[in-house]
Amino acid sequence: MNYTHLLLRGGESFLKGQNQAQFEQKVLENLQRLTDCKEFRKTRGRLILPYFSDHTKIKRVFGLSSYSLVLQVDKSMDALQEGANQILQGKKGTFRVETNRADKNFPIKSPEISMLLGKYVEEKTELKFNFKSPQITLNIEINQLGAFLFLETISCLGGLPVGIEGQVALFLENDASLLAGILFLKRGCCVFPFALKEKDLSLLQKFSPQSLHLTTLVNNSELESQLIEKKLSALVLGENFENYSPHKNKFISFRPLLAYSASEIKKELQKFAEI
């Protein structure tokens, strides 16, 4: 199937009221840095990008809920029928049609579009209609930017766009610390990593639109002076209950993994490593 575009859906970052424009802009900036995609169009709650083969990188952009590989056609029933025939070519089994008509200027309402396309697909293909449990769902979205057909919705990680919620220091002691850092990236924070020895930042860098540079400390006591110098007032630690130790300093300390077990930390790290 030769898809033409990628349709991206905003997560909670697109629902921030008066701050919506700021959140959308930050998502776009991060998207361009993490995927090298420079072209885009946007409408309410949606971003449209030209199709590119390495589209799974989109999952690394926090602030998006999902995306789909789409075929764009003209906004007419004839074009929708032709597109349906193209996107369903060679497929067998059962199907249904779901339509989202965000552009209310399109003269035909959503239920009627679904009905007309359903009849057309049954006539022109080997597929059989099944409303309750279809093997294939043909999705139609008609918005201000065009008409789009797709078969799959690919989940993203949601969260907030990196850079919208300030800066934190991350003390890297082990692999769990990397997970703690990723979770704070997901909450919109820029992360500044510190460690007592060299650490591999490649997993953390996958999800950070900003280039990360590790500050290597001589000893633990140097951490406080470094945070003051870099004007960082919050410290993120990768500790859980199994290895918790109180840190006596004047900075706010966050432990996002406190309730995680060792097996849960390993599972979450593997999930992010596979993206």
C-alpha atoms as a PDB file:
ATOM      1  CA  MET A   1       0.000   0.000   0.000  1.00  0.00           C
ATOM      2  CA  ASN A   2       1.425   3.404  -0.988  1.00  0.00           C
ATOM      3  CA  TYR A   3       0.407   5.688   1.850  1.00  0.00           C
ATOM      4  CA  THR A   4       0.647   9.417   1.208  1.00  0.00           C
ATOM      5  CA  HIS A   5       0.726  10.927   4.710  1.00  0.00           C
ATOM      6  CA  LEU A   6       0.912  10.364   8.453  1.00  0.00           C
ATOM      7  CA  LEU A   7      -1.949  11.639  10.625  1.00  0.00           C
ATOM      8  CA  LEU A   8      -0.844  12.459  14.185  1.00  0.00           C
ATOM      9  CA  ARG A   9      -3.181  12.986  17.132  1.00  0.00           C
ATOM     10  CA  GLY A  10      -2.395  15.165  20.105  1.00  0.00           C
ATOM     11  CA  GLY A  11      -2.586  13.858  23.639  1.00  0.00           C
ATOM     12  CA  GLU A  12      -3.236  15.798  26.826  1.00  0.00           C
ATOM     13  CA  SER A  13      -0.883  18.547  25.598  1.00  0.00           C
ATOM     14  CA  PHE A  14      -3.504  19.564  23.032  1.00  0.00           C
ATOM     15  CA  LEU A  15      -6.142  20.110  25.742  1.00  0.00           C
ATOM     16  CA  LYS A  16      -4.520  22.858  27.760  1.00  0.00           C
ATOM     17  CA  GLY A  17      -6.976  25.689  27.137  1.00  0.00           C
ATOM     18  CA  GLN A  18      -5.253  29.040  26.741  1.00  0.00           C
ATOM     19  CA  ASN A  19      -1.840  27.315  26.638  1.00  0.00           C
ATOM     20  CA  GLN A  20      -2.812  25.051  23.738  1.00  0.00           C
ATOM     21  CA  ALA A  21      -0.862  26.979  21.094  1.00  0.00           C
ATOM     22  CA  GLN A  22       2.305  26.878  23.217  1.00  0.00           C
ATOM     23  CA  PHE A  23       1.988  23.129  23.780  1.00  0.00           C
ATOM     24  CA  GLU A  24       1.306  22.449  20.081  1.00  0.00           C
ATOM     25  CA  GLN A  25       4.350  24.504  19.074  1.00  0.00           C
ATOM     26  CA  LYS A  26       6.589  22.580  21.455  1.00  0.00           C
ATOM     27  CA  VAL A  27       5.318  19.251  20.086  1.00  0.00           C
ATOM     28  CA  LEU A  28       6.137  20.462  16.558  1.00  0.00           C
ATOM     29  CA  GLU A  29       9.646  21.561  17.551  1.00  0.00           C
ATOM     30  CA  ASN A  30      10.354  18.229  19.239  1.00  0.00           C
ATOM     31  CA  LEU A  31       8.868  16.298  16.327  1.00  0.00           C
ATOM     32  CA  GLN A  32      11.171  18.041  13.884  1.00  0.00           C
ATOM     33  CA  ARG A  33      14.236  17.371  16.032  1.00  0.00           C
ATOM     34  CA  LEU A  34      13.508  13.703  16.739  1.00  0.00           C
ATOM     35  CA  THR A  35      12.268  12.668  13.278  1.00  0.00           C
ATOM     36  CA  ASP A  36      14.024  15.124  10.893  1.00  0.00           C
ATOM     37  CA  CYS A  37      10.602  15.843   9.377  1.00  0.00           C
ATOM     38  CA  LYS A  38      10.418  19.530   8.452  1.00  0.00           C
ATOM     39  CA  GLU A  39       7.068  19.642   6.621  1.00  0.00           C
ATOM     40  CA  PHE A  40       3.725  19.576   8.364  1.00  0.00           C
ATOM     41  CA  ARG A  41       0.194  20.913   8.281  1.00  0.00           C
ATOM     42  CA  LYS A  42      -2.054  21.223  11.294  1.00  0.00           C
ATOM     43  CA  THR A  43      -5.722  21.441  12.117  1.00  0.00           C
ATOM     44  CA  ARG A  44      -7.534  21.104  15.421  1.00  0.00           C
ATOM     45  CA  GLY A  45      -6.007  18.188  17.359  1.00  0.00           C
ATOM     46  CA  ARG A  46      -4.270  16.823  14.250  1.00  0.00           C
ATOM     47  CA  LEU A  47      -0.895  17.108  12.518  1.00  0.00           C
ATOM     48  CA  ILE A  48      -0.408  15.922   8.941  1.00  0.00           C
ATOM     49  CA  LEU A  49       3.079  14.931   7.795  1.00  0.00           C
ATOM     50  CA  PRO A  50       4.260  13.573   4.440  1.00  0.00           C
ATOM     51  CA  TYR A  51       4.738   9.810   4.700  1.00  0.00           C
ATOM     52  CA  PHE A  52       8.258   8.613   5.535  1.00  0.00           C
ATOM     53  CA  SER A  53       9.366   5.018   6.019  1.00  0.00           C
ATOM     54  CA  ASP A  54      11.029   5.436   9.434  1.00  0.00           C
ATOM     55  CA  HIS A  55       7.759   6.632  10.956  1.00  0.00           C
ATOM     56  CA  THR A  56       8.147   4.634  14.201  1.00  0.00           C
ATOM     57  CA  LYS A  57      10.380   7.479  15.461  1.00  0.00           C
ATOM     58  CA  ILE A  58       7.150   9.392  16.023  1.00  0.00           C
ATOM     59  CA  LYS A  59       6.575   7.216  19.111  1.00  0.00           C
ATOM     60  CA  ARG A  60       9.545   8.917  20.770  1.00  0.00           C
ATOM     61  CA  VAL A  61       7.834  12.309  20.742  1.00  0.00           C
ATOM     62  CA  PHE A  62       6.026  12.870  24.030  1.00  0.00           C
ATOM     63  CA  GLY A  63       2.750  14.760  23.759  1.00  0.00           C
ATOM     64  CA  LEU A  64       1.225  12.584  21.005  1.00  0.00           C
ATOM     65  CA  SER A  65      -1.436   9.974  21.693  1.00  0.00           C
ATOM     66  CA  SER A  66      -1.400   8.051  18.390  1.00  0.00           C
ATOM     67  CA  TYR A  67      -0.805   8.224  14.654  1.00  0.00           C
ATOM     68  CA  SER A  68      -1.958   6.473  11.494  1.00  0.00           C
ATOM     69  CA  LEU A  69      -0.570   5.762   8.048  1.00  0.00           C
ATOM     70  CA  VAL A  70      -3.124   7.387   5.756  1.00  0.00           C
ATOM     71  CA  LEU A  71      -4.131   7.772   2.151  1.00  0.00           C
ATOM     72  CA  GLN A  72      -5.270  11.305   1.360  1.00  0.00           C
ATOM     73  CA  VAL A  73      -7.920  11.804  -1.335  1.00  0.00           C
ATOM     74  CA  ASP A  74     -10.137  14.638  -2.521  1.00  0.00           C
ATOM     75  CA  LYS A  75     -13.167  15.484  -0.432  1.00  0.00           C
ATOM     76  CA  SER A  76     -15.803  13.789  -2.578  1.00  0.00           C
ATOM     77  CA  MET A  77     -17.660  10.465  -2.437  1.00  0.00           C
ATOM     78  CA  ASP A  78     -16.124   9.358  -5.733  1.00  0.00           C
ATOM     79  CA  ALA A  79     -12.606   9.956  -4.370  1.00  0.00           C
ATOM     80  CA  LEU A  80     -13.455   8.193  -1.094  1.00  0.00           C
ATOM     81  CA  GLN A  81     -14.755   5.162  -2.995  1.00  0.00           C
ATOM     82  CA  GLU A  82     -11.644   5.040  -5.162  1.00  0.00           C
ATOM     83  CA  GLY A  83      -9.456   5.382  -2.060  1.00  0.00           C
ATOM     84  CA  ALA A  84     -11.366   2.631  -0.247  1.00  0.00           C
ATOM     85  CA  ASN A  85     -10.863   0.314  -3.195  1.00  0.00           C
ATOM     86  CA  GLN A  86      -7.146   1.098  -3.199  1.00  0.00           C
ATOM     87  CA  ILE A  87      -6.526   0.709   0.545  1.00  0.00           C
ATOM     88  CA  LEU A  88      -8.552  -2.533   0.767  1.00  0.00           C
ATOM     89  CA  GLN A  89      -7.174  -4.125  -2.374  1.00  0.00           C
ATOM     90  CA  GLY A  90      -6.498  -7.840  -1.909  1.00  0.00           C
ATOM     91  CA  LYS A  91      -7.941  -8.004   1.603  1.00  0.00           C
ATOM     92  CA  LYS A  92     -10.457 -10.663   2.655  1.00  0.00           C
ATOM     93  CA  GLY A  93     -12.677 -11.272   5.665  1.00  0.00           C
ATOM     94  CA  THR A  94     -15.133  -8.966   7.402  1.00  0.00           C
ATOM     95  CA  PHE A  95     -15.133  -5.183   7.684  1.00  0.00           C
ATOM     96  CA  ARG A  96     -16.937  -2.103   8.885  1.00  0.00           C
ATOM     97  CA  VAL A  97     -16.572   1.618   8.120  1.00  0.00           C
ATOM     98  CA  GLU A  98     -16.157   4.338  10.747  1.00  0.00           C
ATOM     99  CA  THR A  99     -16.329   7.997   9.716  1.00  0.00           C
ATOM    100  CA  ASN A 100     -15.269  11.143  11.548  1.00  0.00           C
ATOM    101  CA  ARG A 101     -16.541  14.235   9.690  1.00  0.00           C
ATOM    102  CA  ALA A 102     -14.750  17.088  11.474  1.00  0.00           C
ATOM    103  CA  ASP A 103     -15.332  19.360   8.470  1.00  0.00           C
ATOM    104  CA  LYS A 104     -19.063  20.047   8.719  1.00  0.00           C
ATOM    105  CA  ASN A 105     -18.992  21.736   5.302  1.00  0.00           C
ATOM    106  CA  PHE A 106     -18.774  18.304   3.734  1.00  0.00           C
ATOM    107  CA  PRO A 107     -22.372  17.806   2.560  1.00  0.00           C
ATOM    108  CA  ILE A 108     -22.862  14.161   3.607  1.00  0.00           C
ATOM    109  CA  LYS A 109     -23.101  13.219   7.281  1.00  0.00           C
ATOM    110  CA  SER A 110     -20.887  10.599   8.915  1.00  0.00           C
ATOM    111  CA  PRO A 111     -23.436   7.724   9.162  1.00  0.00           C
ATOM    112  CA  GLU A 112     -24.402   8.125   5.517  1.00  0.00           C
ATOM    113  CA  ILE A 113     -20.761   8.201   4.405  1.00  0.00           C
ATOM    114  CA  SER A 114     -20.141   4.958   6.284  1.00  0.00           C
ATOM    115  CA  MET A 115     -23.256   3.356   4.773  1.00  0.00           C
ATOM    116  CA  LEU A 116     -22.444   4.389   1.201  1.00  0.00           C
ATOM    117  CA  LEU A 117     -18.827   3.259   1.458  1.00  0.00           C
ATOM    118  CA  GLY A 118     -19.869   0.003   3.117  1.00  0.00           C
ATOM    119  CA  LYS A 119     -22.185  -0.834   0.224  1.00  0.00           C
ATOM    120  CA  TYR A 120     -19.481   0.088  -2.281  1.00  0.00           C
ATOM    121  CA  VAL A 121     -16.849  -2.096  -0.581  1.00  0.00           C
ATOM    122  CA  GLU A 122     -19.200  -5.104  -0.501  1.00  0.00           C
ATOM    123  CA  GLU A 123     -19.909  -4.687  -4.200  1.00  0.00           C
ATOM    124  CA  LYS A 124     -16.319  -4.145  -5.329  1.00  0.00           C
ATOM    125  CA  THR A 125     -14.307  -6.443  -3.035  1.00  0.00           C
ATOM    126  CA  GLU A 126     -14.459  -9.869  -1.408  1.00  0.00           C
ATOM    127  CA  LEU A 127     -15.013  -8.336   2.029  1.00  0.00           C
ATOM    128  CA  LYS A 128     -18.252  -8.904   3.957  1.00  0.00           C
ATOM    129  CA  PHE A 129     -19.789  -6.343   6.307  1.00  0.00           C
ATOM    130  CA  ASN A 130     -19.795  -7.119  10.050  1.00  0.00           C
ATOM    131  CA  PHE A 131     -20.749  -4.321  12.426  1.00  0.00           C
ATOM    132  CA  LYS A 132     -19.990  -5.944  15.810  1.00  0.00           C
ATOM    133  CA  SER A 133     -16.709  -7.804  15.309  1.00  0.00           C
ATOM    134  CA  PRO A 134     -15.052  -6.899  11.998  1.00  0.00           C
ATOM    135  CA  GLN A 135     -11.596  -8.146  11.114  1.00  0.00           C
ATOM    136  CA  ILE A 136     -10.869  -4.865   9.323  1.00  0.00           C
ATOM    137  CA  THR A 137     -12.076  -1.356  10.141  1.00  0.00           C
ATOM    138  CA  LEU A 138     -11.871   1.206   7.366  1.00  0.00           C
ATOM    139  CA  ASN A 139     -11.509   4.592   9.044  1.00  0.00           C
ATOM    140  CA  ILE A 140     -12.456   7.799   7.264  1.00  0.00           C
ATOM    141  CA  GLU A 141     -11.479  11.214   8.617  1.00  0.00           C
ATOM    142  CA  ILE A 142     -12.642  14.348   6.845  1.00  0.00           C
ATOM    143  CA  ASN A 143     -11.196  17.553   8.247  1.00  0.00           C
ATOM    144  CA  GLN A 144     -10.234  21.011   6.996  1.00  0.00           C
ATOM    145  CA  LEU A 145      -7.037  19.652   5.416  1.00  0.00           C
ATOM    146  CA  GLY A 146      -8.596  16.860   3.361  1.00  0.00           C
ATOM    147  CA  ALA A 147     -10.105  13.388   3.413  1.00  0.00           C
ATOM    148  CA  PHE A 148      -7.984  10.585   4.873  1.00  0.00           C
ATOM    149  CA  LEU A 149      -8.424   6.805   4.860  1.00  0.00           C
ATOM    150  CA  PHE A 150      -6.589   4.428   7.184  1.00  0.00           C
ATOM    151  CA  LEU A 151      -6.817   0.943   8.680  1.00  0.00           C
ATOM    152  CA  GLU A 152      -4.701   1.169  11.816  1.00  0.00           C
ATOM    153  CA  THR A 153      -4.160   3.450  14.813  1.00  0.00           C
ATOM    154  CA  ILE A 154      -0.660   3.178  16.284  1.00  0.00           C
ATOM    155  CA  SER A 155      -0.388   4.153  19.951  1.00  0.00           C
ATOM    156  CA  CYS A 156       2.158   6.720  21.112  1.00  0.00           C
ATOM    157  CA  LEU A 157       3.350   7.456  24.640  1.00  0.00           C
ATOM    158  CA  GLY A 158       1.247  10.528  25.411  1.00  0.00           C
ATOM    159  CA  GLY A 159       2.535  12.749  28.185  1.00  0.00           C
ATOM    160  CA  LEU A 160       3.655  16.362  27.770  1.00  0.00           C
ATOM    161  CA  PRO A 161       6.102  17.750  25.194  1.00  0.00           C
ATOM    162  CA  VAL A 162       9.664  17.951  26.504  1.00  0.00           C
ATOM    163  CA  GLY A 163      10.619  21.508  27.427  1.00  0.00           C
ATOM    164  CA  ILE A 164       7.215  22.708  28.585  1.00  0.00           C
ATOM    165  CA  GLU A 165       7.690  22.116  32.334  1.00  0.00           C
ATOM    166  CA  GLY A 166      11.153  23.392  33.282  1.00  0.00           C
ATOM    167  CA  GLN A 167      14.491  21.714  34.036  1.00  0.00           C
ATOM    168  CA  VAL A 168      15.655  19.006  36.440  1.00  0.00           C
ATOM    169  CA  ALA A 169      18.948  17.347  37.343  1.00  0.00           C
ATOM    170  CA  LEU A 170      19.183  13.563  36.923  1.00  0.00           C
ATOM    171  CA  PHE A 171      21.671  11.625  39.038  1.00  0.00           C
ATOM    172  CA  LEU A 172      22.654   8.510  37.071  1.00  0.00           C
ATOM    173  CA  GLU A 173      23.620   5.603  39.299  1.00  0.00           C
ATOM    174  CA  ASN A 174      22.256   2.621  37.352  1.00  0.00           C
ATOM    175  CA  ASP A 175      19.853   1.648  34.563  1.00  0.00           C
ATOM    176  CA  ALA A 176      16.867   2.486  36.758  1.00  0.00           C
ATOM    177  CA  SER A 177      18.056   6.096  36.779  1.00  0.00           C
ATOM    178  CA  LEU A 178      17.657   6.150  32.994  1.00  0.00           C
ATOM    179  CA  LEU A 179      14.021   5.123  33.387  1.00  0.00           C
ATOM    180  CA  ALA A 180      13.485   7.863  35.973  1.00  0.00           C
ATOM    181  CA  GLY A 181      14.903  10.363  33.503  1.00  0.00           C
ATOM    182  CA  ILE A 182      12.638   9.166  30.690  1.00  0.00           C
ATOM    183  CA  LEU A 183       9.586   9.478  32.944  1.00  0.00           C
ATOM    184  CA  PHE A 184      10.487  13.090  33.684  1.00  0.00           C
ATOM    185  CA  LEU A 185      10.984  13.776  29.981  1.00  0.00           C
ATOM    186  CA  LYS A 186       7.469  12.399  29.538  1.00  0.00           C
ATOM    187  CA  ARG A 187       6.179  14.943  32.060  1.00  0.00           C
ATOM    188  CA  GLY A 188       7.603  17.772  29.946  1.00  0.00           C
ATOM    189  CA  CYS A 189      10.906  18.428  31.755  1.00  0.00           C
ATOM    190  CA  CYS A 190      14.339  18.975  30.242  1.00  0.00           C
ATOM    191  CA  VAL A 191      16.855  16.661  31.922  1.00  0.00           C
ATOM    192  CA  PHE A 192      20.474  17.432  32.827  1.00  0.00           C
ATOM    193  CA  PRO A 193      22.382  14.195  33.657  1.00  0.00           C
ATOM    194  CA  PHE A 194      25.086  13.881  36.332  1.00  0.00           C
ATOM    195  CA  ALA A 195      27.121  10.818  37.330  1.00  0.00           C
ATOM    196  CA  LEU A 196      30.229   9.753  39.213  1.00  0.00           C
ATOM    197  CA  LYS A 197      31.551   7.939  36.133  1.00  0.00           C
ATOM    198  CA  GLU A 198      30.837   7.715  32.420  1.00  0.00           C
ATOM    199  CA  LYS A 199      27.350   6.485  31.529  1.00  0.00           C
ATOM    200  CA  ASP A 200      25.700   5.528  28.247  1.00  0.00           C
ATOM    201  CA  LEU A 201      23.070   8.181  27.508  1.00  0.00           C
ATOM    202  CA  SER A 202      21.842   6.699  24.225  1.00  0.00           C
ATOM    203  CA  LEU A 203      18.504   5.447  25.602  1.00  0.00           C
ATOM    204  CA  LEU A 204      17.787   8.769  27.297  1.00  0.00           C
ATOM    205  CA  GLN A 205      18.839  10.688  24.183  1.00  0.00           C
ATOM    206  CA  LYS A 206      16.303   8.791  22.041  1.00  0.00           C
ATOM    207  CA  PHE A 207      13.505  10.656  23.824  1.00  0.00           C
ATOM    208  CA  SER A 208      15.206  14.014  24.402  1.00  0.00           C
ATOM    209  CA  PRO A 209      14.917  16.640  21.640  1.00  0.00           C
ATOM    210  CA  GLN A 210      17.837  18.516  23.235  1.00  0.00           C
ATOM    211  CA  SER A 211      21.365  17.134  23.041  1.00  0.00           C
ATOM    212  CA  LEU A 212      22.359  15.610  26.380  1.00  0.00           C
ATOM    213  CA  HIS A 213      25.793  16.110  27.904  1.00  0.00           C
ATOM    214  CA  LEU A 214      26.869  14.157  30.982  1.00  0.00           C
ATOM    215  CA  THR A 215      28.528  16.090  33.788  1.00  0.00           C
ATOM    216  CA  THR A 216      30.960  13.742  35.559  1.00  0.00           C
ATOM    217  CA  LEU A 217      31.388  14.433  39.275  1.00  0.00           C
ATOM    218  CA  VAL A 218      34.500  13.860  41.371  1.00  0.00           C
ATOM    219  CA  ASN A 219      32.380  12.864  44.381  1.00  0.00           C
ATOM    220  CA  ASN A 220      28.833  13.108  45.745  1.00  0.00           C
ATOM    221  CA  SER A 221      29.496  16.366  47.537  1.00  0.00           C
ATOM    222  CA  GLU A 222      30.232  18.077  44.228  1.00  0.00           C
ATOM    223  CA  LEU A 223      26.655  17.495  43.050  1.00  0.00           C
ATOM    224  CA  GLU A 224      25.246  20.284  45.194  1.00  0.00           C
ATOM    225  CA  SER A 225      27.666  22.904  43.880  1.00  0.00           C
ATOM    226  CA  GLN A 226      27.014  21.800  40.289  1.00  0.00           C
ATOM    227  CA  LEU A 227      23.242  22.153  40.726  1.00  0.00           C
ATOM    228  CA  ILE A 228      23.703  25.640  42.168  1.00  0.00           C
ATOM    229  CA  GLU A 229      26.004  26.602  39.295  1.00  0.00           C
ATOM    230  CA  LYS A 230      23.524  25.363  36.675  1.00  0.00           C
ATOM    231  CA  LYS A 231      20.553  26.892  38.552  1.00  0.00           C
ATOM    232  CA  LEU A 232      18.772  23.556  38.975  1.00  0.00           C
ATOM    233  CA  SER A 233      16.583  23.230  42.058  1.00  0.00           C
ATOM    234  CA  ALA A 234      15.160  19.708  41.544  1.00  0.00           C
ATOM    235  CA  LEU A 235      16.995  16.372  41.568  1.00  0.00           C
ATOM    236  CA  VAL A 236      15.633  13.147  40.025  1.00  0.00           C
ATOM    237  CA  LEU A 237      16.815   9.817  41.455  1.00  0.00           C
ATOM    238  CA  GLY A 238      16.281   6.265  40.224  1.00  0.00           C
ATOM    239  CA  GLU A 239      15.743   4.726  43.654  1.00  0.00           C
ATOM    240  CA  ASN A 240      12.872   2.469  44.653  1.00  0.00           C
ATOM    241  CA  PHE A 241      11.973   1.066  48.092  1.00  0.00           C
ATOM    242  CA  GLU A 242      14.559  -1.694  47.701  1.00  0.00           C
ATOM    243  CA  ASN A 243      17.501   0.725  47.504  1.00  0.00           C
ATOM    244  CA  TYR A 244      16.058   3.909  48.998  1.00  0.00           C
ATOM    245  CA  SER A 245      18.464   6.160  50.879  1.00  0.00           C
ATOM    246  CA  PRO A 246      17.722   9.678  52.132  1.00  0.00           C
ATOM    247  CA  HIS A 247      19.633  12.460  50.379  1.00  0.00           C
ATOM    248  CA  LYS A 248      20.349  15.347  52.707  1.00  0.00           C
ATOM    249  CA  ASN A 249      20.496  18.442  50.539  1.00  0.00           C
ATOM    250  CA  LYS A 250      18.496  21.619  50.055  1.00  0.00           C
ATOM    251  CA  PHE A 251      17.111  20.527  46.697  1.00  0.00           C
ATOM    252  CA  ILE A 252      13.736  18.962  45.962  1.00  0.00           C
ATOM    253  CA  SER A 253      14.313  15.250  45.314  1.00  0.00           C
ATOM    254  CA  PHE A 254      11.995  13.222  43.092  1.00  0.00           C
ATOM    255  CA  ARG A 255      11.911   9.412  43.058  1.00  0.00           C
ATOM    256  CA  PRO A 256       9.409   8.423  40.338  1.00  0.00           C
ATOM    257  CA  LEU A 257      10.286   4.715  40.711  1.00  0.00           C
ATOM    258  CA  LEU A 258       9.685   4.490  44.450  1.00  0.00           C
ATOM    259  CA  ALA A 259       6.722   2.085  44.076  1.00  0.00           C
ATOM    260  CA  TYR A 260       8.296   0.063  41.229  1.00  0.00           C
ATOM    261  CA  SER A 261       9.696  -3.421  41.759  1.00  0.00           C
ATOM    262  CA  ALA A 262      12.970  -4.446  40.140  1.00  0.00           C
ATOM    263  CA  SER A 263      11.084  -6.559  37.597  1.00  0.00           C
ATOM    264  CA  GLU A 264       8.774  -3.655  36.712  1.00  0.00           C
ATOM    265  CA  ILE A 265      11.760  -1.365  36.178  1.00  0.00           C
ATOM    266  CA  LYS A 266      13.371  -3.933  33.884  1.00  0.00           C
ATOM    267  CA  LYS A 267      10.123  -4.376  31.926  1.00  0.00           C
ATOM    268  CA  GLU A 268       9.617  -0.618  31.467  1.00  0.00           C
ATOM    269  CA  LEU A 269      13.223  -0.115  30.370  1.00  0.00           C
ATOM    270  CA  GLN A 270      12.834  -2.866  27.783  1.00  0.00           C
ATOM    271  CA  LYS A 271       9.654  -1.229  26.472  1.00  0.00           C
ATOM    272  CA  PHE A 272      11.405   2.090  25.906  1.00  0.00           C
ATOM    273  CA  ALA A 273      14.485   0.396  24.454  1.00  0.00           C
ATOM    274  CA  GLU A 274      12.337  -1.246  21.764  1.00  0.00           C
ATOM    275  CA  ILE A 275      10.817   2.025  20.539  1.00  0.00           C
END
